N, C-alpha and C. Protein backbone atom coordinates (compact mmCIF):
# COMPACT_ATOMS: atom_id res chain seq x y z
N MET A 1 116.62 120.24 110.51
CA MET A 1 116.40 120.24 109.09
C MET A 1 115.00 120.79 108.86
N THR A 2 114.87 121.72 107.97
CA THR A 2 113.56 122.27 107.65
C THR A 2 112.97 121.54 106.47
N ARG A 3 111.69 121.75 106.26
CA ARG A 3 111.01 121.09 105.14
C ARG A 3 111.68 121.44 103.82
N ALA A 4 112.20 122.64 103.70
CA ALA A 4 112.85 123.07 102.46
C ALA A 4 114.12 122.27 102.20
N GLU A 5 114.70 121.71 103.26
CA GLU A 5 115.95 120.97 103.10
C GLU A 5 115.73 119.48 102.81
N VAL A 6 114.49 119.05 102.75
CA VAL A 6 114.18 117.64 102.54
C VAL A 6 113.42 117.48 101.23
N GLN A 7 113.83 116.51 100.44
CA GLN A 7 113.10 116.19 99.22
C GLN A 7 112.27 114.95 99.50
N GLU A 8 110.98 115.03 99.28
CA GLU A 8 110.10 113.90 99.53
C GLU A 8 110.20 112.88 98.41
N ALA A 9 109.93 111.63 98.74
CA ALA A 9 109.90 110.58 97.74
C ALA A 9 108.76 110.85 96.76
N ASP A 10 108.95 110.49 95.49
CA ASP A 10 107.94 110.75 94.47
C ASP A 10 106.73 109.83 94.59
N ALA A 11 106.93 108.60 95.00
CA ALA A 11 105.85 107.63 95.06
C ALA A 11 104.97 107.87 96.28
N VAL A 12 103.69 107.62 96.13
CA VAL A 12 102.76 107.72 97.25
C VAL A 12 102.62 106.33 97.84
N PRO A 13 103.13 106.12 99.06
CA PRO A 13 103.06 104.77 99.63
C PRO A 13 101.65 104.41 100.05
N GLN A 14 101.31 103.13 99.95
CA GLN A 14 100.01 102.63 100.38
C GLN A 14 100.23 101.36 101.17
N THR A 15 99.39 101.15 102.18
CA THR A 15 99.48 99.94 103.00
C THR A 15 98.15 99.69 103.68
N ALA A 16 98.01 98.53 104.30
CA ALA A 16 96.82 98.19 105.06
C ALA A 16 96.92 98.79 106.46
N ALA A 17 95.82 98.79 107.19
CA ALA A 17 95.82 99.27 108.57
C ALA A 17 96.74 98.40 109.43
N ASN A 18 97.39 99.03 110.39
CA ASN A 18 98.27 98.35 111.36
C ASN A 18 99.50 97.71 110.75
N VAL A 19 99.91 98.17 109.60
CA VAL A 19 101.11 97.67 108.94
C VAL A 19 102.10 98.83 108.85
N VAL A 20 103.34 98.60 109.27
CA VAL A 20 104.35 99.65 109.24
C VAL A 20 104.73 99.98 107.81
N ILE A 21 104.80 101.28 107.54
CA ILE A 21 105.26 101.76 106.24
C ILE A 21 106.53 102.57 106.49
N GLU A 22 107.48 102.46 105.60
CA GLU A 22 108.73 103.21 105.73
C GLU A 22 108.87 104.13 104.54
N MET A 23 109.08 105.41 104.83
CA MET A 23 109.18 106.42 103.77
C MET A 23 110.57 107.07 103.82
N PRO A 24 111.27 107.10 102.69
CA PRO A 24 112.60 107.73 102.66
C PRO A 24 112.51 109.22 102.36
N PHE A 25 113.45 109.96 102.90
CA PHE A 25 113.62 111.38 102.64
C PHE A 25 115.10 111.61 102.36
N GLN A 26 115.42 112.55 101.47
CA GLN A 26 116.80 112.87 101.14
C GLN A 26 117.12 114.29 101.57
N ALA A 27 118.19 114.45 102.35
CA ALA A 27 118.65 115.78 102.73
C ALA A 27 119.33 116.42 101.52
N GLU A 28 119.22 117.72 101.42
CA GLU A 28 119.83 118.42 100.28
C GLU A 28 121.29 118.74 100.51
N LYS A 29 121.77 118.57 101.74
CA LYS A 29 123.18 118.81 102.01
C LYS A 29 123.69 117.76 102.99
N ALA A 30 125.01 117.64 103.06
CA ALA A 30 125.63 116.68 103.97
C ALA A 30 125.84 117.32 105.33
N TYR A 31 125.80 116.52 106.35
CA TYR A 31 126.02 116.98 107.73
C TYR A 31 127.20 116.23 108.30
N ALA A 32 128.06 116.93 109.01
CA ALA A 32 129.25 116.33 109.60
C ALA A 32 128.87 115.24 110.60
N ASN A 33 127.87 115.51 111.42
CA ASN A 33 127.41 114.54 112.41
C ASN A 33 125.89 114.56 112.45
N PRO A 34 125.24 113.74 111.62
CA PRO A 34 123.78 113.77 111.54
C PRO A 34 123.08 113.51 112.88
N PHE A 35 123.71 112.74 113.77
CA PHE A 35 123.09 112.43 115.06
C PHE A 35 122.93 113.66 115.94
N THR A 36 123.86 114.60 115.84
CA THR A 36 123.78 115.80 116.68
C THR A 36 123.38 117.05 115.91
N ASP A 37 123.58 117.05 114.59
CA ASP A 37 123.31 118.24 113.79
C ASP A 37 121.87 118.34 113.30
N VAL A 38 121.14 117.23 113.29
CA VAL A 38 119.82 117.20 112.67
C VAL A 38 118.80 116.49 113.57
N MET A 39 117.62 117.07 113.62
CA MET A 39 116.48 116.39 114.22
C MET A 39 115.34 116.53 113.22
N LEU A 40 114.84 115.40 112.74
CA LEU A 40 113.78 115.42 111.74
C LEU A 40 112.55 114.74 112.31
N ASP A 41 111.50 115.52 112.52
CA ASP A 41 110.20 115.00 112.94
C ASP A 41 109.21 115.29 111.83
N VAL A 42 108.29 114.37 111.60
CA VAL A 42 107.29 114.51 110.56
C VAL A 42 105.91 114.52 111.21
N ASP A 43 105.11 115.53 110.90
CA ASP A 43 103.74 115.61 111.41
C ASP A 43 102.83 114.85 110.45
N VAL A 44 102.22 113.77 110.96
CA VAL A 44 101.32 112.94 110.17
C VAL A 44 99.90 113.18 110.64
N THR A 45 99.01 113.50 109.71
CA THR A 45 97.59 113.71 110.03
C THR A 45 96.81 112.50 109.54
N ASP A 46 96.09 111.87 110.46
CA ASP A 46 95.32 110.68 110.09
C ASP A 46 93.96 111.08 109.53
N PRO A 47 93.17 110.13 109.02
CA PRO A 47 91.88 110.45 108.41
C PRO A 47 90.90 111.11 109.38
N ALA A 48 91.08 110.94 110.68
CA ALA A 48 90.20 111.57 111.68
C ALA A 48 90.64 112.99 112.00
N GLY A 49 91.76 113.43 111.41
CA GLY A 49 92.25 114.79 111.64
C GLY A 49 93.23 114.92 112.79
N GLU A 50 93.58 113.81 113.43
CA GLU A 50 94.54 113.86 114.54
C GLU A 50 95.95 113.92 113.99
N VAL A 51 96.76 114.83 114.54
CA VAL A 51 98.14 115.00 114.11
C VAL A 51 99.06 114.29 115.10
N LYS A 52 99.96 113.50 114.55
CA LYS A 52 100.95 112.81 115.37
C LYS A 52 102.33 113.22 114.88
N ARG A 53 103.20 113.58 115.79
CA ARG A 53 104.58 113.93 115.44
C ARG A 53 105.41 112.66 115.53
N VAL A 54 106.01 112.26 114.40
CA VAL A 54 106.75 111.00 114.32
C VAL A 54 108.22 111.31 114.02
N PRO A 55 109.15 110.84 114.86
CA PRO A 55 110.56 111.08 114.58
C PRO A 55 111.06 110.21 113.43
N ALA A 56 111.89 110.80 112.59
CA ALA A 56 112.55 110.06 111.53
C ALA A 56 113.96 109.71 112.03
N PHE A 57 114.61 108.80 111.34
CA PHE A 57 115.96 108.41 111.76
C PHE A 57 116.90 108.47 110.57
N TRP A 58 118.18 108.70 110.89
CA TRP A 58 119.22 108.76 109.87
C TRP A 58 119.49 107.34 109.39
N ALA A 59 119.47 107.14 108.06
CA ALA A 59 119.68 105.82 107.48
C ALA A 59 121.02 105.72 106.76
N GLY A 60 121.87 106.72 106.92
CA GLY A 60 123.18 106.72 106.28
C GLY A 60 123.23 107.69 105.12
N GLY A 61 124.39 108.27 104.91
CA GLY A 61 124.56 109.24 103.83
C GLY A 61 123.61 110.42 104.01
N ALA A 62 122.87 110.75 102.98
CA ALA A 62 121.92 111.87 103.04
C ALA A 62 120.49 111.37 103.23
N GLU A 63 120.34 110.09 103.57
CA GLU A 63 118.99 109.51 103.66
C GLU A 63 118.47 109.44 105.09
N TRP A 64 117.22 109.82 105.21
CA TRP A 64 116.48 109.73 106.47
C TRP A 64 115.25 108.89 106.20
N ARG A 65 114.74 108.20 107.23
CA ARG A 65 113.57 107.34 107.04
C ARG A 65 112.56 107.56 108.16
N LEU A 66 111.33 107.41 107.78
CA LEU A 66 110.21 107.52 108.72
C LEU A 66 109.48 106.18 108.71
N ARG A 67 109.22 105.64 109.89
CA ARG A 67 108.41 104.43 110.00
C ARG A 67 107.12 104.81 110.73
N TYR A 68 106.01 104.38 110.15
CA TYR A 68 104.70 104.78 110.69
C TYR A 68 103.68 103.69 110.42
N ALA A 69 102.81 103.45 111.40
CA ALA A 69 101.69 102.53 111.23
C ALA A 69 100.47 103.17 111.87
N SER A 70 99.31 102.95 111.28
CA SER A 70 98.07 103.52 111.80
C SER A 70 96.98 102.45 111.79
N PRO A 71 96.12 102.49 112.80
CA PRO A 71 94.99 101.57 112.80
C PRO A 71 93.84 102.04 111.90
N LEU A 72 93.95 103.27 111.40
CA LEU A 72 92.88 103.85 110.60
C LEU A 72 93.11 103.64 109.12
N ILE A 73 92.06 103.27 108.41
CA ILE A 73 92.12 103.15 106.96
C ILE A 73 91.74 104.49 106.35
N GLY A 74 92.44 104.89 105.33
CA GLY A 74 92.15 106.15 104.66
C GLY A 74 93.41 106.92 104.36
N THR A 75 93.24 108.12 103.86
CA THR A 75 94.37 108.95 103.46
C THR A 75 95.00 109.62 104.67
N HIS A 76 96.30 109.47 104.78
CA HIS A 76 97.11 110.15 105.79
C HIS A 76 97.98 111.15 105.05
N THR A 77 98.15 112.32 105.60
CA THR A 77 99.03 113.32 104.99
C THR A 77 100.17 113.62 105.95
N TYR A 78 101.24 114.19 105.42
CA TYR A 78 102.38 114.54 106.28
C TYR A 78 103.04 115.82 105.81
N CYS A 79 103.71 116.45 106.76
CA CYS A 79 104.50 117.64 106.43
C CYS A 79 105.63 117.76 107.42
């Protein structure tokens, strides 16, 4: 799945350090077998500039979810 095929959630999630945050993503089309047809990884950049590739998982239907926790306080970005 490419970035163009995913619609990001409108809300900007916020959390404390070392607390897992879950972010939903919606695919723009249906897949016959999401487990084999799609691999969704999200590149998360922490406040120190380090990029971590985090796998997302299929949550049913057209929904995918990313779970992420960081020990760093500050703004994290993703793409």
